[in-house]
Amino acid sequence: MTDTFSNMFTVLKKLGDVSEGQVPFKNGKLSKFNGKVSSKVGNTEVNLGILHYDWNRSIGVDKINQAIQQTEKAGLDGALMVAPKFSRSAIEQAYRINDSTNKRILLMEEDEINAAFAQMSGTNLNA
């Protein structure tokens, strides 16, 4: 388990209730989600699957589309994706999905997670 992976769950707990571990699909099989964030927005509960990609390349449109398919199968409202970097076309695809469907795709780069964790723990990143 990488430091970013550990930091990710600490940071995401600020968004709502976080459960680690694979999320089951509606048919009982296990998804590729690393966990789930549940948060109350007004009177509605929003459930997002967490996908962490610890790759040395940017995440593309195909992974955004796969995330949407996974949310459908798991009965989730969307996905929160964490990766070192997202391609411009992947960011645009996530925007289109958020704009035209009731599903939500949130993208966070690992640097953002690590910066938020450092802020929460009072660590100086420039030290």
N, C-alpha and C. Protein backbone atom coordinates (compact mmCIF):
# COMPACT_ATOMS: atom_id res chain seq x y z
N MET A 1 0.85 -1.18 0.00
CA MET A 1 0.00 0.00 0.00
C MET A 1 0.89 1.24 0.00
N THR A 2 0.65 2.15 -0.93
CA THR A 2 1.45 3.36 -1.03
C THR A 2 1.00 4.40 -0.02
N ASP A 3 1.87 5.38 0.22
CA ASP A 3 1.51 6.46 1.13
C ASP A 3 0.30 7.23 0.60
N THR A 4 0.27 7.44 -0.71
CA THR A 4 -0.86 8.16 -1.30
C THR A 4 -2.16 7.41 -1.06
N PHE A 5 -2.13 6.09 -1.18
CA PHE A 5 -3.34 5.29 -0.95
C PHE A 5 -3.82 5.48 0.49
N SER A 6 -2.92 5.42 1.45
CA SER A 6 -3.28 5.63 2.86
C SER A 6 -3.79 7.04 3.08
N ASN A 7 -3.08 8.02 2.53
CA ASN A 7 -3.47 9.42 2.68
C ASN A 7 -4.84 9.68 2.06
N MET A 8 -5.12 8.98 0.95
CA MET A 8 -6.37 9.16 0.24
C MET A 8 -7.57 8.91 1.16
N PHE A 9 -7.56 7.82 1.90
CA PHE A 9 -8.70 7.52 2.76
C PHE A 9 -8.82 8.52 3.90
N THR A 10 -7.70 9.01 4.41
CA THR A 10 -7.74 10.03 5.46
C THR A 10 -8.38 11.31 4.94
N VAL A 11 -7.98 11.73 3.75
CA VAL A 11 -8.52 12.95 3.15
C VAL A 11 -10.00 12.78 2.80
N LEU A 12 -10.36 11.63 2.22
CA LEU A 12 -11.74 11.42 1.78
C LEU A 12 -12.72 11.34 2.94
N LYS A 13 -12.24 11.05 4.13
CA LYS A 13 -13.13 11.02 5.30
C LYS A 13 -13.73 12.40 5.58
N LYS A 14 -13.11 13.44 5.04
CA LYS A 14 -13.67 14.79 5.17
C LYS A 14 -14.91 14.97 4.30
N LEU A 15 -15.07 14.12 3.29
CA LEU A 15 -16.22 14.21 2.39
C LEU A 15 -17.45 13.49 2.92
N GLY A 16 -17.22 12.52 3.79
CA GLY A 16 -18.34 11.73 4.31
C GLY A 16 -17.83 10.43 4.90
N ASP A 17 -18.74 9.48 5.03
CA ASP A 17 -18.39 8.17 5.57
C ASP A 17 -17.65 7.38 4.49
N VAL A 18 -16.46 6.89 4.83
CA VAL A 18 -15.65 6.15 3.89
C VAL A 18 -15.56 4.70 4.34
N SER A 19 -15.84 3.80 3.42
CA SER A 19 -15.62 2.39 3.71
C SER A 19 -14.59 1.86 2.72
N GLU A 20 -13.54 1.25 3.25
CA GLU A 20 -12.49 0.69 2.43
C GLU A 20 -12.88 -0.71 1.99
N GLY A 21 -12.25 -1.17 0.94
CA GLY A 21 -12.51 -2.52 0.44
C GLY A 21 -13.36 -2.49 -0.81
N GLN A 22 -13.32 -3.60 -1.53
CA GLN A 22 -14.04 -3.68 -2.79
C GLN A 22 -15.54 -3.57 -2.59
N VAL A 23 -16.18 -2.87 -3.49
CA VAL A 23 -17.63 -2.67 -3.48
C VAL A 23 -18.25 -3.76 -4.34
N PRO A 24 -19.26 -4.47 -3.83
CA PRO A 24 -19.89 -5.52 -4.65
C PRO A 24 -20.83 -4.93 -5.70
N PHE A 25 -20.89 -5.60 -6.85
CA PHE A 25 -21.88 -5.27 -7.85
C PHE A 25 -23.24 -5.74 -7.35
N LYS A 26 -24.30 -5.36 -8.03
CA LYS A 26 -25.65 -5.80 -7.66
C LYS A 26 -25.78 -7.32 -7.73
N ASN A 27 -25.01 -7.97 -8.63
CA ASN A 27 -25.09 -9.44 -8.77
C ASN A 27 -24.21 -10.19 -7.76
N GLY A 28 -23.53 -9.45 -6.87
CA GLY A 28 -22.72 -10.08 -5.83
C GLY A 28 -21.24 -10.18 -6.15
N LYS A 29 -20.85 -10.06 -7.42
CA LYS A 29 -19.44 -10.09 -7.78
C LYS A 29 -18.77 -8.81 -7.30
N LEU A 30 -17.45 -8.86 -7.14
CA LEU A 30 -16.73 -7.69 -6.64
C LEU A 30 -16.30 -6.77 -7.78
N SER A 31 -16.45 -5.48 -7.55
CA SER A 31 -16.06 -4.46 -8.53
C SER A 31 -14.58 -4.11 -8.36
N LYS A 32 -14.13 -3.17 -9.16
CA LYS A 32 -12.75 -2.71 -9.06
C LYS A 32 -12.62 -1.50 -8.14
N PHE A 33 -13.71 -1.08 -7.52
CA PHE A 33 -13.66 0.04 -6.60
C PHE A 33 -12.84 -0.33 -5.37
N ASN A 34 -12.01 0.63 -4.91
CA ASN A 34 -11.18 0.42 -3.72
C ASN A 34 -11.92 0.77 -2.44
N GLY A 35 -13.10 1.31 -2.56
CA GLY A 35 -13.89 1.72 -1.41
C GLY A 35 -15.06 2.55 -1.87
N LYS A 36 -15.74 3.17 -0.90
CA LYS A 36 -16.94 3.95 -1.20
C LYS A 36 -17.01 5.13 -0.24
N VAL A 37 -17.44 6.27 -0.75
CA VAL A 37 -17.69 7.46 0.07
C VAL A 37 -19.19 7.71 0.04
N SER A 38 -19.79 7.81 1.21
CA SER A 38 -21.21 8.14 1.32
C SER A 38 -21.33 9.49 2.00
N SER A 39 -22.07 10.39 1.38
CA SER A 39 -22.20 11.74 1.92
C SER A 39 -23.64 12.20 1.77
N LYS A 40 -24.10 12.97 2.73
CA LYS A 40 -25.45 13.51 2.71
C LYS A 40 -25.42 14.88 2.04
N VAL A 41 -26.20 15.06 0.99
CA VAL A 41 -26.33 16.34 0.30
C VAL A 41 -27.80 16.72 0.41
N GLY A 42 -28.09 17.63 1.31
CA GLY A 42 -29.48 17.97 1.58
C GLY A 42 -30.18 16.77 2.18
N ASN A 43 -31.27 16.32 1.57
CA ASN A 43 -31.98 15.14 2.03
C ASN A 43 -31.58 13.88 1.27
N THR A 44 -30.61 14.01 0.37
CA THR A 44 -30.19 12.91 -0.48
C THR A 44 -28.84 12.37 -0.05
N GLU A 45 -28.73 11.05 -0.04
CA GLU A 45 -27.43 10.44 0.22
C GLU A 45 -26.77 10.13 -1.11
N VAL A 46 -25.51 10.52 -1.25
CA VAL A 46 -24.75 10.30 -2.48
C VAL A 46 -23.66 9.27 -2.18
N ASN A 47 -23.60 8.24 -3.00
CA ASN A 47 -22.60 7.18 -2.85
C ASN A 47 -21.70 7.15 -4.06
N LEU A 48 -20.40 7.37 -3.81
CA LEU A 48 -19.41 7.37 -4.88
C LEU A 48 -18.42 6.24 -4.66
N GLY A 49 -18.15 5.48 -5.69
CA GLY A 49 -17.12 4.47 -5.63
C GLY A 49 -15.75 5.12 -5.79
N ILE A 50 -14.76 4.62 -5.08
CA ILE A 50 -13.40 5.17 -5.15
C ILE A 50 -12.54 4.27 -6.03
N LEU A 51 -11.93 4.88 -7.03
CA LEU A 51 -11.00 4.18 -7.91
C LEU A 51 -9.64 4.84 -7.81
N HIS A 52 -8.62 4.08 -7.42
CA HIS A 52 -7.27 4.62 -7.33
C HIS A 52 -6.39 3.93 -8.36
N TYR A 53 -5.77 4.73 -9.22
CA TYR A 53 -4.86 4.22 -10.24
C TYR A 53 -3.45 4.69 -9.90
N ASP A 54 -2.60 3.78 -9.48
CA ASP A 54 -1.23 4.10 -9.12
C ASP A 54 -0.33 3.78 -10.32
N TRP A 55 -0.53 4.54 -11.38
CA TRP A 55 0.18 4.31 -12.63
C TRP A 55 1.15 5.44 -12.89
N ASN A 56 2.10 5.20 -13.78
CA ASN A 56 3.06 6.23 -14.17
C ASN A 56 2.66 6.90 -15.48
N ARG A 57 1.40 6.83 -15.82
CA ARG A 57 0.91 7.50 -17.02
C ARG A 57 -0.46 8.12 -16.72
N SER A 58 -0.91 8.96 -17.61
CA SER A 58 -2.19 9.63 -17.36
C SER A 58 -3.36 8.70 -17.66
N ILE A 59 -4.45 8.96 -16.99
CA ILE A 59 -5.68 8.20 -17.16
C ILE A 59 -6.44 8.80 -18.33
N GLY A 60 -6.96 7.93 -19.21
CA GLY A 60 -7.64 8.39 -20.41
C GLY A 60 -9.15 8.22 -20.35
N VAL A 61 -9.78 8.54 -21.45
CA VAL A 61 -11.24 8.49 -21.59
C VAL A 61 -11.78 7.09 -21.31
N ASP A 62 -11.05 6.05 -21.73
CA ASP A 62 -11.53 4.69 -21.54
C ASP A 62 -11.78 4.38 -20.07
N LYS A 63 -10.93 4.86 -19.18
CA LYS A 63 -11.11 4.59 -17.74
C LYS A 63 -12.29 5.39 -17.18
N ILE A 64 -12.55 6.56 -17.73
CA ILE A 64 -13.72 7.35 -17.31
C ILE A 64 -14.98 6.58 -17.70
N ASN A 65 -15.03 6.09 -18.92
CA ASN A 65 -16.20 5.34 -19.40
C ASN A 65 -16.37 4.04 -18.62
N GLN A 66 -15.27 3.36 -18.32
CA GLN A 66 -15.35 2.14 -17.52
C GLN A 66 -15.87 2.44 -16.11
N ALA A 67 -15.48 3.58 -15.56
CA ALA A 67 -15.95 3.96 -14.22
C ALA A 67 -17.47 4.13 -14.21
N ILE A 68 -18.00 4.73 -15.27
CA ILE A 68 -19.46 4.91 -15.37
C ILE A 68 -20.15 3.55 -15.43
N GLN A 69 -19.61 2.64 -16.23
CA GLN A 69 -20.19 1.29 -16.33
C GLN A 69 -20.14 0.60 -14.96
N GLN A 70 -19.04 0.75 -14.25
CA GLN A 70 -18.91 0.12 -12.93
C GLN A 70 -19.93 0.70 -11.94
N THR A 71 -20.16 2.02 -12.01
CA THR A 71 -21.13 2.62 -11.09
C THR A 71 -22.53 2.08 -11.35
N GLU A 72 -22.86 1.89 -12.62
CA GLU A 72 -24.17 1.34 -12.97
C GLU A 72 -24.33 -0.06 -12.37
N LYS A 73 -23.33 -0.90 -12.55
CA LYS A 73 -23.39 -2.28 -12.07
C LYS A 73 -23.42 -2.36 -10.54
N ALA A 74 -22.80 -1.37 -9.88
CA ALA A 74 -22.73 -1.40 -8.42
C ALA A 74 -23.86 -0.59 -7.77
N GLY A 75 -24.68 0.08 -8.57
CA GLY A 75 -25.77 0.88 -8.03
C GLY A 75 -25.29 2.13 -7.31
N LEU A 76 -24.20 2.73 -7.77
CA LEU A 76 -23.64 3.93 -7.16
C LEU A 76 -24.04 5.17 -7.95
N ASP A 77 -23.87 6.33 -7.32
CA ASP A 77 -24.22 7.59 -7.96
C ASP A 77 -23.09 8.14 -8.83
N GLY A 78 -21.91 7.57 -8.70
CA GLY A 78 -20.78 8.04 -9.47
C GLY A 78 -19.48 7.47 -8.95
N ALA A 79 -18.38 8.08 -9.37
CA ALA A 79 -17.06 7.60 -8.97
C ALA A 79 -16.16 8.77 -8.64
N LEU A 80 -15.29 8.55 -7.68
CA LEU A 80 -14.24 9.48 -7.34
C LEU A 80 -12.94 8.80 -7.76
N MET A 81 -12.28 9.38 -8.74
CA MET A 81 -11.10 8.75 -9.32
C MET A 81 -9.84 9.50 -8.87
N VAL A 82 -8.86 8.74 -8.38
CA VAL A 82 -7.59 9.32 -7.95
C VAL A 82 -6.48 8.70 -8.79
N ALA A 83 -5.64 9.55 -9.37
CA ALA A 83 -4.55 9.09 -10.23
C ALA A 83 -3.45 10.14 -10.25
N PRO A 84 -2.26 9.76 -10.70
CA PRO A 84 -1.19 10.76 -10.80
C PRO A 84 -1.53 11.89 -11.76
N LYS A 85 -2.23 11.55 -12.86
CA LYS A 85 -2.57 12.56 -13.86
C LYS A 85 -3.72 12.07 -14.73
N PHE A 86 -4.53 13.01 -15.22
CA PHE A 86 -5.62 12.71 -16.14
C PHE A 86 -5.35 13.43 -17.46
N SER A 87 -5.65 12.75 -18.56
CA SER A 87 -5.47 13.40 -19.86
C SER A 87 -6.53 14.49 -20.02
N ARG A 88 -6.25 15.43 -20.90
CA ARG A 88 -7.20 16.51 -21.16
C ARG A 88 -8.53 15.94 -21.66
N SER A 89 -8.47 14.93 -22.53
CA SER A 89 -9.70 14.34 -23.06
C SER A 89 -10.49 13.62 -21.97
N ALA A 90 -9.80 13.03 -20.97
CA ALA A 90 -10.49 12.38 -19.86
C ALA A 90 -11.21 13.42 -18.99
N ILE A 91 -10.56 14.54 -18.77
CA ILE A 91 -11.18 15.62 -17.99
C ILE A 91 -12.41 16.15 -18.72
N GLU A 92 -12.30 16.31 -20.03
CA GLU A 92 -13.44 16.78 -20.82
C GLU A 92 -14.58 15.77 -20.81
N GLN A 93 -14.25 14.48 -20.87
CA GLN A 93 -15.27 13.42 -20.82
C GLN A 93 -15.99 13.44 -19.48
N ALA A 94 -15.24 13.59 -18.39
CA ALA A 94 -15.87 13.65 -17.06
C ALA A 94 -16.81 14.85 -16.98
N TYR A 95 -16.39 15.98 -17.54
CA TYR A 95 -17.25 17.16 -17.56
C TYR A 95 -18.54 16.89 -18.33
N ARG A 96 -18.41 16.25 -19.51
CA ARG A 96 -19.61 15.94 -20.31
C ARG A 96 -20.56 15.02 -19.55
N ILE A 97 -20.02 14.02 -18.89
CA ILE A 97 -20.85 13.08 -18.12
C ILE A 97 -21.57 13.82 -17.00
N ASN A 98 -20.84 14.65 -16.27
CA ASN A 98 -21.44 15.41 -15.16
C ASN A 98 -22.50 16.38 -15.65
N ASP A 99 -22.31 16.91 -16.85
CA ASP A 99 -23.23 17.90 -17.40
C ASP A 99 -24.48 17.28 -18.00
N SER A 100 -24.36 16.05 -18.51
CA SER A 100 -25.48 15.50 -19.28
C SER A 100 -26.16 14.27 -18.66
N THR A 101 -25.66 13.77 -17.53
CA THR A 101 -26.28 12.61 -16.89
C THR A 101 -26.50 12.88 -15.41
N ASN A 102 -27.11 11.93 -14.74
CA ASN A 102 -27.29 12.07 -13.29
C ASN A 102 -26.14 11.40 -12.53
N LYS A 103 -25.14 10.88 -13.24
CA LYS A 103 -23.94 10.30 -12.63
C LYS A 103 -22.91 11.40 -12.41
N ARG A 104 -22.04 11.22 -11.42
CA ARG A 104 -21.00 12.18 -11.12
C ARG A 104 -19.64 11.50 -11.16
N ILE A 105 -18.70 12.14 -11.82
CA ILE A 105 -17.31 11.69 -11.86
C ILE A 105 -16.47 12.81 -11.26
N LEU A 106 -15.79 12.53 -10.16
CA LEU A 106 -14.89 13.48 -9.54
C LEU A 106 -13.47 13.00 -9.78
N LEU A 107 -12.61 13.90 -10.23
CA LEU A 107 -11.22 13.56 -10.53
C LEU A 107 -10.31 14.28 -9.54
N MET A 108 -9.39 13.53 -8.94
CA MET A 108 -8.40 14.11 -8.04
C MET A 108 -7.03 13.54 -8.38
N GLU A 109 -6.07 14.43 -8.56
CA GLU A 109 -4.72 13.96 -8.81
C GLU A 109 -4.04 13.65 -7.48
N GLU A 110 -3.09 12.73 -7.52
CA GLU A 110 -2.39 12.32 -6.30
C GLU A 110 -1.74 13.49 -5.58
N ASP A 111 -1.22 14.46 -6.34
CA ASP A 111 -0.62 15.64 -5.72
C ASP A 111 -1.64 16.40 -4.88
N GLU A 112 -2.89 16.44 -5.34
CA GLU A 112 -3.94 17.11 -4.58
C GLU A 112 -4.23 16.37 -3.28
N ILE A 113 -4.26 15.04 -3.36
CA ILE A 113 -4.49 14.23 -2.16
C ILE A 113 -3.37 14.45 -1.16
N ASN A 114 -2.12 14.39 -1.64
CA ASN A 114 -0.98 14.55 -0.75
C ASN A 114 -0.91 15.95 -0.15
N ALA A 115 -1.27 16.98 -0.93
CA ALA A 115 -1.30 18.35 -0.42
C ALA A 115 -2.38 18.51 0.64
N ALA A 116 -3.56 17.94 0.39
CA ALA A 116 -4.65 18.02 1.37
C ALA A 116 -4.27 17.28 2.66
N PHE A 117 -3.61 16.12 2.51
CA PHE A 117 -3.18 15.36 3.69
C PHE A 117 -2.15 16.16 4.49
N ALA A 118 -1.21 16.78 3.79
CA ALA A 118 -0.20 17.60 4.46
C ALA A 118 -0.84 18.77 5.20
N GLN A 119 -1.83 19.39 4.56
CA GLN A 119 -2.55 20.50 5.19
C GLN A 119 -3.27 20.04 6.45
N MET A 120 -3.91 18.87 6.37
CA MET A 120 -4.65 18.33 7.51
C MET A 120 -3.72 17.97 8.66
N SER A 121 -2.53 17.46 8.33
CA SER A 121 -1.61 17.01 9.38
C SER A 121 -0.63 18.08 9.79
N GLY A 122 -0.71 19.27 9.16
CA GLY A 122 0.17 20.36 9.53
C GLY A 122 1.59 20.20 9.03
N THR A 123 1.78 19.37 8.01
CA THR A 123 3.11 19.13 7.44
C THR A 123 3.41 20.20 6.40
N ASN A 124 4.65 20.72 6.41
CA ASN A 124 5.07 21.69 5.42
C ASN A 124 5.64 20.92 4.22
N LEU A 125 5.01 21.05 3.06
CA LEU A 125 5.46 20.34 1.88
C LEU A 125 6.81 20.85 1.36
N ASN A 126 7.15 22.08 1.69
CA ASN A 126 8.39 22.66 1.19
C ASN A 126 9.57 22.44 2.13
N ALA A 127 9.36 21.75 3.21
CA ALA A 127 10.44 21.55 4.18
C ALA A 127 11.41 20.49 3.70
